[in-house]
Amino acid sequence: MRINRDIFKAYDIRGLYPSEIDETVVRQIGRGFVAYLDARRIAVSRDMRVSSPQLASAFIEGALEQGAEVVDYGMLPTDAMYYAVANDGLDGGAQITASHNPKQYNGVKMVRKEALPLSGDAGIGDIRDMIANDGLPSPTRPPGTRSTRDALAGYIDKVMSFIDPALIKPFTTVLDAGSGMAGLVAPRLFDRLPCKTTRLCFDIDGTFPNHEANPLIEENRQDITAEVVRQKADIGIAWDGDADRCFFIDGSGEFISGDFITALLAEAFLLKHGPSTIIYDLRASHAVKDTVQRYGGGALMNRVGHAFIKQRMRQEDGIFAGEVTGHYYFRDFYYADNGFIPALLILELMSKKNQSLRDLLQPFRERYFISGEINTKLAGMDEVPRRLAQIQARYKDATIATMDGVSIDYPDWHFNVRGSNTEPLLRLNLEAKTPDLMAVKRDEVLGVIRGT
């Protein structure tokens, strides 16, 4: 079968609908998923995109044809599908979603038993090759049957179990669901809390009539930022389309980087559970490891990507892990990422300390000065190794790690440069102990990367 191989990404399948991904392709992906896992019972759920119902039906048809029993959970956030797979003891699950992408995209996120992710190296590439090479095996079992089940109530209880709701103070809170799946979950959580909430874009609508559901892009945060500032709110919380990531805005309207949130969540876990292992991605601010060490925990740096993070958490019995892109992972949520547990834990930490989010972050702002991620476009993917080698040579007197790209560490500043998985880009994340040093070193390293 002729397919666009580019839709098979490092962590999911994603493309333009219907030109790159359509019902015919997704039906075959459903067959390939069941064949790859030799799955007998799987979960299928979907987000709110206009094309998601028909793509979910196509995936289910393929899975049934291949001989699997399918439990159709209907419309859910992606992390609720993880819950359904693990809680109901299924062999795997698929979520029809394109996450934070614009409305014209759709795709599939897939996990195996216990919500372990499929990735480009383990599963996604195999399914792609089966389909592209007309190598889908003949079914070994009769066609399966479809049943329906509700996972939302149990999922809500699971998320709420991470905090003591009685501790939460009546903070002024602005929420933006981005017309996405947070509109299904957030009301059921916040109705149990005393917070005074303003709820933006809670009508679930896959056409995204207000703004795209990608809070990492500044224009998509304009509404929530304005409302937080207008109300002098204690915190703003926004979610992406499939609601497996959340993002935070403080009372001044400042967007908070994911590494600072990782540091706060690490503090929350260490206060609750005592010394524990925390895993963080190698792009992160030293605020993370310094905070973990201050509370007696063990901080382990890891390469970027949810498949690598989840694997390391299981190996090290990590209680929590965070990535700067807003993915936060929890041992007691099947080592999977979740978009609502972080929101509740931050509110609980604010309550315990009787501080706004801005107050909690003030010590970080005084000590850690970060560049944010800066991308440099290259002529081609083959340029990446050469540029990384130049960086290593230029900073050979530093402490150097090559776990993922090149990480350079000096006593008062450090950075990581890594190539994109999908396009000819180098990504720089740099931090220094003063704003002036950060600016100087940022420009210096960019000069090395860009050959200026």
Protein backbone atom coordinates (compact mmCIF):
# COMPACT_ATOMS: atom_id res chain seq x y z
CA MET A 1 0.00 0.00 0.00
CA ARG A 2 1.28 3.47 -0.87
CA ILE A 3 1.49 5.64 2.24
CA ASN A 4 3.23 8.83 3.24
CA ARG A 5 6.04 7.47 5.41
CA ASP A 6 6.62 10.93 6.92
CA ILE A 7 3.47 10.68 9.05
CA PHE A 8 5.19 8.02 11.21
CA LYS A 9 7.02 10.17 13.77
CA ALA A 10 9.33 9.43 16.70
CA TYR A 11 6.48 9.27 19.23
CA ASP A 12 3.22 9.07 17.29
CA ILE A 13 1.61 9.11 13.85
CA ARG A 14 0.50 12.52 12.63
CA GLY A 15 -0.35 14.29 9.38
CA LEU A 16 -2.73 16.48 7.43
CA TYR A 17 -6.25 15.10 7.07
CA PRO A 18 -7.22 13.81 4.54
CA SER A 19 -4.24 14.41 2.22
CA GLU A 20 -1.63 12.59 4.36
CA ILE A 21 -3.71 10.53 6.77
CA ASP A 22 -7.24 9.25 6.10
CA GLU A 23 -9.63 6.42 6.98
CA THR A 24 -7.94 3.93 4.64
CA VAL A 25 -4.53 4.52 6.20
CA VAL A 26 -5.83 4.49 9.77
CA ARG A 27 -7.74 1.26 9.17
CA GLN A 28 -4.45 -0.37 8.18
CA ILE A 29 -2.72 1.18 11.20
CA GLY A 30 -5.38 -0.46 13.39
CA ARG A 31 -4.59 -3.82 11.80
CA GLY A 32 -0.83 -3.26 12.15
CA PHE A 33 -1.15 -2.22 15.80
CA VAL A 34 -2.98 -5.42 16.74
CA ALA A 35 -0.58 -7.55 14.67
CA TYR A 36 2.52 -5.93 16.16
CA LEU A 37 1.35 -6.44 19.75
CA ASP A 38 -0.51 -9.70 19.07
CA ALA A 39 -3.17 -7.92 21.13
CA ARG A 40 -6.39 -9.59 22.21
CA ARG A 41 -8.11 -6.62 23.89
CA ILE A 42 -7.34 -2.97 23.23
CA ALA A 43 -8.70 0.48 24.08
CA VAL A 44 -9.58 3.09 21.47
CA SER A 45 -10.48 6.70 22.29
CA ARG A 46 -10.41 10.01 20.45
CA ASP A 47 -10.16 13.75 20.87
CA MET A 48 -12.60 16.42 19.65
CA ARG A 49 -11.22 17.05 16.16
CA VAL A 50 -13.82 17.08 13.40
CA SER A 51 -12.20 14.09 11.69
CA SER A 52 -11.65 12.06 14.88
CA PRO A 53 -14.96 10.10 14.98
CA GLN A 54 -14.48 8.67 11.49
CA LEU A 55 -10.78 7.95 12.05
CA ALA A 56 -11.56 6.21 15.35
CA SER A 57 -14.15 4.09 13.53
CA ALA A 58 -11.59 3.20 10.86
CA PHE A 59 -8.97 2.22 13.45
CA ILE A 60 -11.54 0.07 15.26
CA GLU A 61 -12.54 -1.64 11.98
CA GLY A 62 -8.92 -2.55 11.30
CA ALA A 63 -8.35 -3.82 14.84
CA LEU A 64 -11.53 -5.92 14.74
CA GLU A 65 -10.56 -7.39 11.36
CA GLN A 66 -7.19 -8.40 12.79
CA GLY A 67 -8.98 -10.31 15.57
CA ALA A 68 -8.85 -7.99 18.60
CA GLU A 69 -11.65 -7.18 21.00
CA VAL A 70 -12.01 -3.38 21.07
CA VAL A 71 -13.22 -1.38 24.05
CA ASP A 72 -14.38 1.97 22.70
CA TYR A 73 -14.05 4.65 25.38
CA GLY A 74 -15.36 7.46 23.19
CA MET A 75 -14.02 10.99 23.62
CA LEU A 76 -11.24 11.30 26.22
CA PRO A 77 -7.99 13.17 26.85
CA THR A 78 -4.97 11.10 25.89
CA ASP A 79 -3.89 10.47 29.47
CA ALA A 80 -7.33 9.01 30.29
CA MET A 81 -6.67 6.41 27.58
CA TYR A 82 -3.46 5.53 29.45
CA TYR A 83 -5.56 5.12 32.59
CA ALA A 84 -8.07 2.90 30.78
CA VAL A 85 -5.37 0.60 29.38
CA ALA A 86 -3.59 0.17 32.71
CA ASN A 87 -6.62 0.13 35.00
CA ASP A 88 -8.64 -2.29 32.85
CA GLY A 89 -5.72 -4.61 32.12
CA LEU A 90 -5.79 -4.24 28.33
CA ASP A 91 -3.06 -5.25 25.90
CA GLY A 92 -2.74 -1.76 24.45
CA GLY A 93 -4.57 1.37 23.43
CA ALA A 94 -4.81 4.03 20.74
CA GLN A 95 -5.89 7.64 20.94
CA ILE A 96 -6.97 9.41 17.76
CA THR A 97 -5.45 12.87 18.17
CA ALA A 98 -3.00 15.36 16.73
CA SER A 99 -2.28 16.80 20.16
CA HIS A 100 -1.46 20.52 19.88
CA ASN A 101 -1.39 20.70 16.06
CA PRO A 102 -3.81 22.93 14.10
CA LYS A 103 -7.29 21.68 13.21
CA GLN A 104 -6.37 20.32 9.77
CA TYR A 105 -4.14 17.64 11.37
CA ASN A 106 -4.95 14.31 12.95
CA GLY A 107 -3.09 11.19 14.03
CA VAL A 108 -2.69 8.30 16.46
CA LYS A 109 -0.90 7.89 19.80
CA MET A 110 -0.36 4.26 20.78
CA VAL A 111 0.63 2.34 23.91
CA ARG A 112 1.09 -1.30 24.81
CA LYS A 113 0.19 -3.08 28.07
CA GLU A 114 0.50 -0.94 31.22
CA ALA A 115 0.46 2.20 29.03
CA LEU A 116 4.05 1.77 27.84
CA PRO A 117 4.48 3.90 24.70
CA LEU A 118 5.18 2.74 21.20
CA SER A 119 7.88 4.83 19.54
CA GLY A 120 9.63 5.12 16.21
CA ASP A 121 12.25 2.64 17.40
CA ALA A 122 9.77 0.25 19.03
CA GLY A 123 6.51 -0.29 17.22
CA ILE A 124 5.71 2.72 15.06
CA GLY A 125 8.39 1.94 12.49
CA ASP A 126 7.36 -1.72 12.46
CA ILE A 127 3.73 -0.83 11.77
CA ARG A 128 4.80 1.59 9.02
CA ASP A 129 6.90 -1.07 7.32
CA MET A 130 4.15 -3.70 7.56
CA ILE A 131 1.74 -1.39 5.75
CA ALA A 132 4.19 0.07 3.23
CA ASN A 133 5.55 -3.35 2.26
CA ASP A 134 2.11 -5.01 2.08
CA GLY A 135 3.34 -7.19 4.94
CA LEU A 136 0.35 -7.11 7.29
CA PRO A 137 -0.07 -10.72 8.46
CA SER A 138 -3.34 -12.55 7.96
CA PRO A 139 -5.50 -12.57 11.11
CA THR A 140 -4.87 -15.57 13.36
CA ARG A 141 -8.20 -15.18 15.17
CA PRO A 142 -11.79 -14.59 14.06
CA PRO A 143 -12.91 -10.94 13.79
CA GLY A 144 -13.27 -9.27 17.19
CA THR A 145 -16.23 -7.49 18.70
CA ARG A 146 -16.60 -3.90 19.88
CA SER A 147 -17.91 -2.87 23.30
CA THR A 148 -18.18 0.54 24.96
CA ARG A 149 -17.07 1.61 28.39
CA ASP A 150 -16.79 4.82 30.41
CA ALA A 151 -13.43 5.58 31.99
CA LEU A 152 -13.96 9.23 32.92
CA ALA A 153 -15.30 8.86 36.47
CA GLY A 154 -12.54 6.47 37.53
CA TYR A 155 -9.94 8.65 35.83
CA ILE A 156 -11.13 11.75 37.71
CA ASP A 157 -10.89 9.89 41.03
CA LYS A 158 -7.38 8.72 40.15
CA VAL A 159 -6.21 12.25 39.37
CA MET A 160 -7.79 13.65 42.54
CA SER A 161 -6.01 11.00 44.64
CA PHE A 162 -2.72 12.88 44.17
CA ILE A 163 -3.79 15.72 46.48
CA ASP A 164 -5.76 16.39 49.64
CA PRO A 165 -8.61 18.61 48.38
CA ALA A 166 -9.23 19.86 51.92
CA LEU A 167 -5.88 21.68 51.82
CA ILE A 168 -6.69 23.75 48.74
CA LYS A 169 -7.25 27.44 49.42
CA PRO A 170 -9.73 29.56 47.42
CA PHE A 171 -7.19 30.94 44.96
CA THR A 172 -8.30 33.11 42.06
CA THR A 173 -7.63 30.88 39.07
CA VAL A 174 -8.02 31.42 35.31
CA LEU A 175 -8.32 28.28 33.17
CA ASP A 176 -8.09 27.96 29.38
CA ALA A 177 -9.11 24.62 27.87
CA GLY A 178 -8.38 25.82 24.31
CA SER A 179 -11.70 24.28 23.11
CA GLY A 180 -9.97 20.93 23.64
CA MET A 181 -10.25 17.92 25.89
CA ALA A 182 -9.55 19.89 29.08
CA GLY A 183 -13.10 21.16 28.66
CA LEU A 184 -14.26 17.62 29.45
CA VAL A 185 -12.07 17.06 32.52
CA ALA A 186 -11.26 20.39 34.17
CA PRO A 187 -14.87 21.19 35.25
CA ARG A 188 -15.14 17.81 37.00
CA LEU A 189 -11.94 18.52 38.92
CA PHE A 190 -12.38 22.19 39.76
CA ASP A 191 -16.00 21.75 40.81
CA ARG A 192 -14.55 19.75 43.74
CA LEU A 193 -12.19 22.56 44.75
CA PRO A 194 -12.82 25.94 46.43
CA CYS A 195 -10.86 27.90 43.81
CA LYS A 196 -12.58 30.91 42.23
CA THR A 197 -12.31 29.97 38.55
CA THR A 198 -12.74 31.86 35.31
CA ARG A 199 -13.13 29.28 32.53
CA LEU A 200 -12.08 30.20 28.99
CA CYS A 201 -12.74 28.13 25.85
CA PHE A 202 -14.42 25.30 27.77
CA ASP A 203 -16.85 24.53 24.93
CA ILE A 204 -15.31 21.49 23.24
CA ASP A 205 -14.93 22.33 19.54
CA GLY A 206 -12.49 20.72 17.11
CA THR A 207 -12.57 23.77 14.83
CA PHE A 208 -10.79 25.76 17.59
CA PRO A 209 -12.89 28.92 17.09
CA ASN A 210 -10.96 31.03 19.62
CA HIS A 211 -7.34 30.01 19.18
CA GLU A 212 -5.27 26.90 18.53
CA ALA A 213 -4.83 24.58 21.50
CA ASN A 214 -1.07 25.05 21.72
CA PRO A 215 -0.15 27.27 24.68
CA LEU A 216 3.54 27.20 23.81
CA ILE A 217 2.76 29.75 21.08
CA GLU A 218 2.39 33.21 22.59
CA GLU A 219 -0.61 34.33 20.51
CA ASN A 220 -2.60 31.37 21.85
CA ARG A 221 -2.04 32.64 25.41
CA GLN A 222 -3.27 36.18 24.84
CA ASP A 223 -6.77 35.61 26.26
CA ILE A 224 -5.70 33.83 29.43
CA THR A 225 -2.80 36.23 30.01
CA ALA A 226 -5.07 39.26 29.72
CA GLU A 227 -7.61 37.74 32.07
CA VAL A 228 -4.99 36.76 34.67
CA VAL A 229 -3.61 40.30 34.66
CA ARG A 230 -7.08 41.88 34.73
CA GLN A 231 -8.14 39.84 37.74
CA LYS A 232 -4.73 39.92 39.45
CA ALA A 233 -5.23 36.15 39.65
CA ASP A 234 -3.02 33.85 41.69
CA ILE A 235 -2.45 31.48 38.77
CA GLY A 236 -3.41 30.75 35.16
CA ILE A 237 -3.50 27.22 33.73
CA ALA A 238 -3.85 26.28 30.03
CA TRP A 239 -3.91 22.90 28.27
CA ASP A 240 -3.04 21.63 24.82
CA GLY A 241 -5.59 19.96 22.52
CA ASP A 242 -5.53 16.42 23.90
CA ALA A 243 -4.89 17.76 27.43
CA ASP A 244 -1.88 15.60 28.30
CA ARG A 245 0.16 18.76 28.92
CA CYS A 246 -0.58 21.83 31.02
CA PHE A 247 1.09 25.23 31.13
CA PHE A 248 1.22 27.90 33.80
CA ILE A 249 1.02 31.69 33.91
CA ASP A 250 1.72 33.69 37.05
CA GLY A 251 -0.22 36.66 38.35
CA SER A 252 1.88 39.17 36.40
CA GLY A 253 1.02 37.41 33.13
CA GLU A 254 4.42 35.76 32.75
CA PHE A 255 4.50 32.34 31.07
CA ILE A 256 6.46 29.88 33.23
CA SER A 257 9.05 27.59 31.69
CA GLY A 258 8.56 23.87 32.13
CA ASP A 259 11.83 23.38 34.00
CA PHE A 260 10.75 25.78 36.76
CA ILE A 261 7.45 23.90 37.02
CA THR A 262 9.42 20.64 37.16
CA ALA A 263 11.40 22.06 40.09
CA LEU A 264 8.20 23.03 41.94
CA LEU A 265 6.60 19.64 41.30
CA ALA A 266 9.78 17.93 42.52
CA GLU A 267 9.52 19.98 45.71
CA ALA A 268 5.85 18.98 46.07
CA PHE A 269 6.70 15.27 45.83
CA LEU A 270 9.69 15.45 48.14
CA LEU A 271 7.65 17.32 50.77
CA LYS A 272 4.97 14.62 50.55
CA HIS A 273 7.08 11.48 50.26
CA GLY A 274 10.56 12.30 51.58
CA PRO A 275 13.76 11.42 49.70
CA SER A 276 12.82 10.04 46.27
CA THR A 277 14.25 9.83 42.77
CA ILE A 278 13.32 12.64 40.36
CA ILE A 279 14.15 12.47 36.64
CA TYR A 280 14.51 15.57 34.47
CA ASP A 281 15.44 16.22 30.87
CA LEU A 282 18.91 17.44 30.04
CA ARG A 283 17.69 20.80 28.70
CA ALA A 284 16.48 21.82 32.14
CA SER A 285 17.57 24.61 34.44
CA HIS A 286 19.82 23.68 37.35
CA ALA A 287 16.87 24.82 39.46
CA VAL A 288 15.61 21.24 39.15
CA LYS A 289 18.62 19.37 40.47
CA ASP A 290 19.37 22.05 43.09
CA THR A 291 15.80 21.83 44.41
CA VAL A 292 15.86 18.02 44.48
CA GLN A 293 19.16 18.00 46.35
CA ARG A 294 17.92 20.62 48.83
CA TYR A 295 15.05 18.33 49.81
CA GLY A 296 17.21 15.22 50.02
CA GLY A 297 16.14 13.56 46.78
CA GLY A 298 18.14 12.07 43.94
CA ALA A 299 18.13 14.00 40.63
CA LEU A 300 18.83 12.02 37.44
CA MET A 301 19.34 13.75 34.10
CA ASN A 302 17.86 11.96 31.09
CA ARG A 303 17.65 12.27 27.33
CA VAL A 304 14.62 14.00 25.82
CA GLY A 305 11.52 12.04 24.80
CA HIS A 306 8.67 10.36 26.62
CA ALA A 307 9.70 6.80 25.69
CA PHE A 308 13.16 7.35 27.22
CA ILE A 309 11.79 9.14 30.29
CA LYS A 310 9.21 6.44 31.04
CA GLN A 311 11.76 3.66 30.61
CA ARG A 312 14.21 5.39 33.00
CA MET A 313 11.50 5.99 35.58
CA ARG A 314 10.75 2.27 35.68
CA GLN A 315 14.44 1.38 35.89
CA GLU A 316 15.14 3.82 38.72
CA ASP A 317 11.74 3.75 40.45
CA GLY A 318 11.47 7.49 39.83
CA ILE A 319 8.49 9.00 41.60
CA PHE A 320 8.23 11.93 39.17
CA ALA A 321 9.80 13.20 35.94
CA GLY A 322 9.47 16.46 34.02
CA GLU A 323 10.36 17.81 30.60
CA VAL A 324 10.70 21.49 29.71
CA THR A 325 7.97 21.11 27.05
CA GLY A 326 5.25 20.63 29.68
CA HIS A 327 5.16 16.83 29.87
CA TYR A 328 5.08 15.63 33.49
CA TYR A 329 5.23 11.94 34.43
CA PHE A 330 4.10 10.16 37.58
CA ARG A 331 5.07 6.78 38.99
CA ASP A 332 1.66 6.39 40.58
CA PHE A 333 -0.04 7.14 37.26
CA TYR A 334 1.50 4.13 35.53
CA TYR A 335 4.76 6.04 34.89
CA ALA A 336 2.80 8.03 32.31
CA ASP A 337 2.35 11.72 31.61
CA ASN A 338 -0.75 13.55 32.78
CA GLY A 339 -2.05 17.06 32.15
CA PHE A 340 -4.13 17.58 35.29
CA ILE A 341 -2.10 16.15 38.17
CA PRO A 342 0.49 18.98 37.80
CA ALA A 343 -2.24 21.63 38.07
CA LEU A 344 -3.59 20.10 41.27
CA LEU A 345 -0.15 19.62 42.82
CA ILE A 346 0.88 23.22 42.12
CA LEU A 347 -2.36 24.46 43.73
CA GLU A 348 -1.70 22.22 46.74
CA LEU A 349 1.89 23.51 47.06
CA MET A 350 0.61 27.10 46.83
CA SER A 351 -1.89 26.26 49.57
CA LYS A 352 0.66 24.64 51.87
CA LYS A 353 2.94 27.66 51.56
CA ASN A 354 0.12 30.20 51.33
CA GLN A 355 1.78 31.78 48.30
CA SER A 356 0.77 32.70 44.78
CA LEU A 357 2.55 31.03 41.89
CA ARG A 358 4.66 34.16 41.40
CA ASP A 359 5.73 34.03 45.06
CA LEU A 360 6.76 30.38 44.71
CA LEU A 361 8.85 31.18 41.65
CA GLN A 362 10.64 34.24 43.01
CA PRO A 363 13.69 32.34 44.37
CA PHE A 364 14.22 30.76 40.94
CA ARG A 365 13.99 34.09 39.15
CA GLU A 366 16.72 35.50 41.38
CA ARG A 367 19.19 32.67 40.74
CA TYR A 368 18.57 31.10 37.33
CA PHE A 369 18.57 32.95 34.01
CA ILE A 370 17.54 30.82 31.04
CA SER A 371 17.56 31.50 27.32
CA GLY A 372 14.54 29.41 26.42
CA GLU A 373 14.85 27.11 23.42
CA ILE A 374 16.44 28.80 20.37
CA ASN A 375 16.34 26.97 17.03
CA THR A 376 18.86 27.29 14.20
CA LYS A 377 17.89 25.96 10.77
CA LEU A 378 20.59 24.01 8.90
CA ALA A 379 20.99 23.13 5.24
CA GLY A 380 20.35 19.44 5.92
CA MET A 381 20.26 16.74 8.60
CA ASP A 382 23.81 15.69 7.70
CA GLU A 383 25.02 19.06 9.06
CA VAL A 384 24.04 18.18 12.64
CA PRO A 385 27.01 15.90 13.56
CA ARG A 386 29.54 18.36 12.17
CA ARG A 387 28.10 21.31 14.10
CA LEU A 388 27.95 19.30 17.32
CA ALA A 389 31.60 18.28 16.87
CA GLN A 390 32.55 21.96 16.44
CA ILE A 391 30.81 22.80 19.72
CA GLN A 392 32.64 20.01 21.56
CA ALA A 393 35.97 21.21 20.20
CA ARG A 394 35.27 24.84 21.10
CA TYR A 395 34.32 24.02 24.72
CA LYS A 396 36.66 21.08 25.35
CA ASP A 397 37.73 22.43 28.77
CA ALA A 398 34.14 22.02 30.10
CA THR A 399 32.42 19.02 31.61
CA ILE A 400 30.89 17.43 28.49
CA ALA A 401 28.07 14.90 28.16
CA THR A 402 26.78 13.41 24.90
CA MET A 403 23.66 11.65 26.12
CA ASP A 404 21.48 13.63 23.69
CA GLY A 405 23.30 16.10 21.48
CA VAL A 406 26.07 17.89 23.42
CA SER A 407 25.75 19.20 26.99
CA ILE A 408 28.44 21.66 28.11
CA ASP A 409 28.77 22.50 31.81
CA TYR A 410 30.85 25.26 33.45
CA PRO A 411 30.57 26.39 37.10
CA ASP A 412 28.50 29.48 36.31
CA TRP A 413 26.79 28.57 33.02
CA HIS A 414 25.78 25.53 30.98
CA PHE A 415 23.95 24.61 27.80
CA ASN A 416 22.68 21.77 25.65
CA VAL A 417 22.56 21.67 21.85
CA ARG A 418 20.70 18.81 20.19
CA GLY A 419 19.33 18.07 16.76
CA SER A 420 15.64 17.83 15.97
CA ASN A 421 14.28 14.33 15.36
CA THR A 422 12.32 15.41 12.30
CA GLU A 423 13.91 18.42 10.60
CA PRO A 424 17.36 20.01 10.06
CA LEU A 425 17.37 22.12 13.21
CA LEU A 426 19.73 22.56 16.14
CA ARG A 427 18.05 23.46 19.42
CA LEU A 428 19.93 25.48 22.05
CA ASN A 429 18.97 25.74 25.74
CA LEU A 430 21.36 27.79 27.87
CA GLU A 431 21.44 29.02 31.47
CA ALA A 432 23.75 31.26 33.49
CA LYS A 433 23.94 32.67 37.00
CA THR A 434 23.43 36.29 35.90
CA PRO A 435 21.30 37.79 33.13
CA ASP A 436 24.30 39.52 31.58
CA LEU A 437 26.35 36.32 31.45
CA MET A 438 23.37 34.47 29.98
CA ALA A 439 23.03 37.01 27.16
CA VAL A 440 26.77 37.01 26.39
CA LYS A 441 27.09 33.23 26.36
CA ARG A 442 23.86 32.75 24.43
CA ASP A 443 25.14 34.97 21.65
CA GLU A 444 28.58 33.34 21.77
CA VAL A 445 27.22 29.80 21.43
CA LEU A 446 24.81 30.84 18.69
CA GLY A 447 27.79 32.28 16.86
CA VAL A 448 29.56 28.91 17.06
CA ILE A 449 26.42 27.05 15.92
CA ARG A 450 25.80 29.41 13.02
CA GLY A 451 29.44 29.86 12.04
CA THR A 452 29.35 33.65 12.48
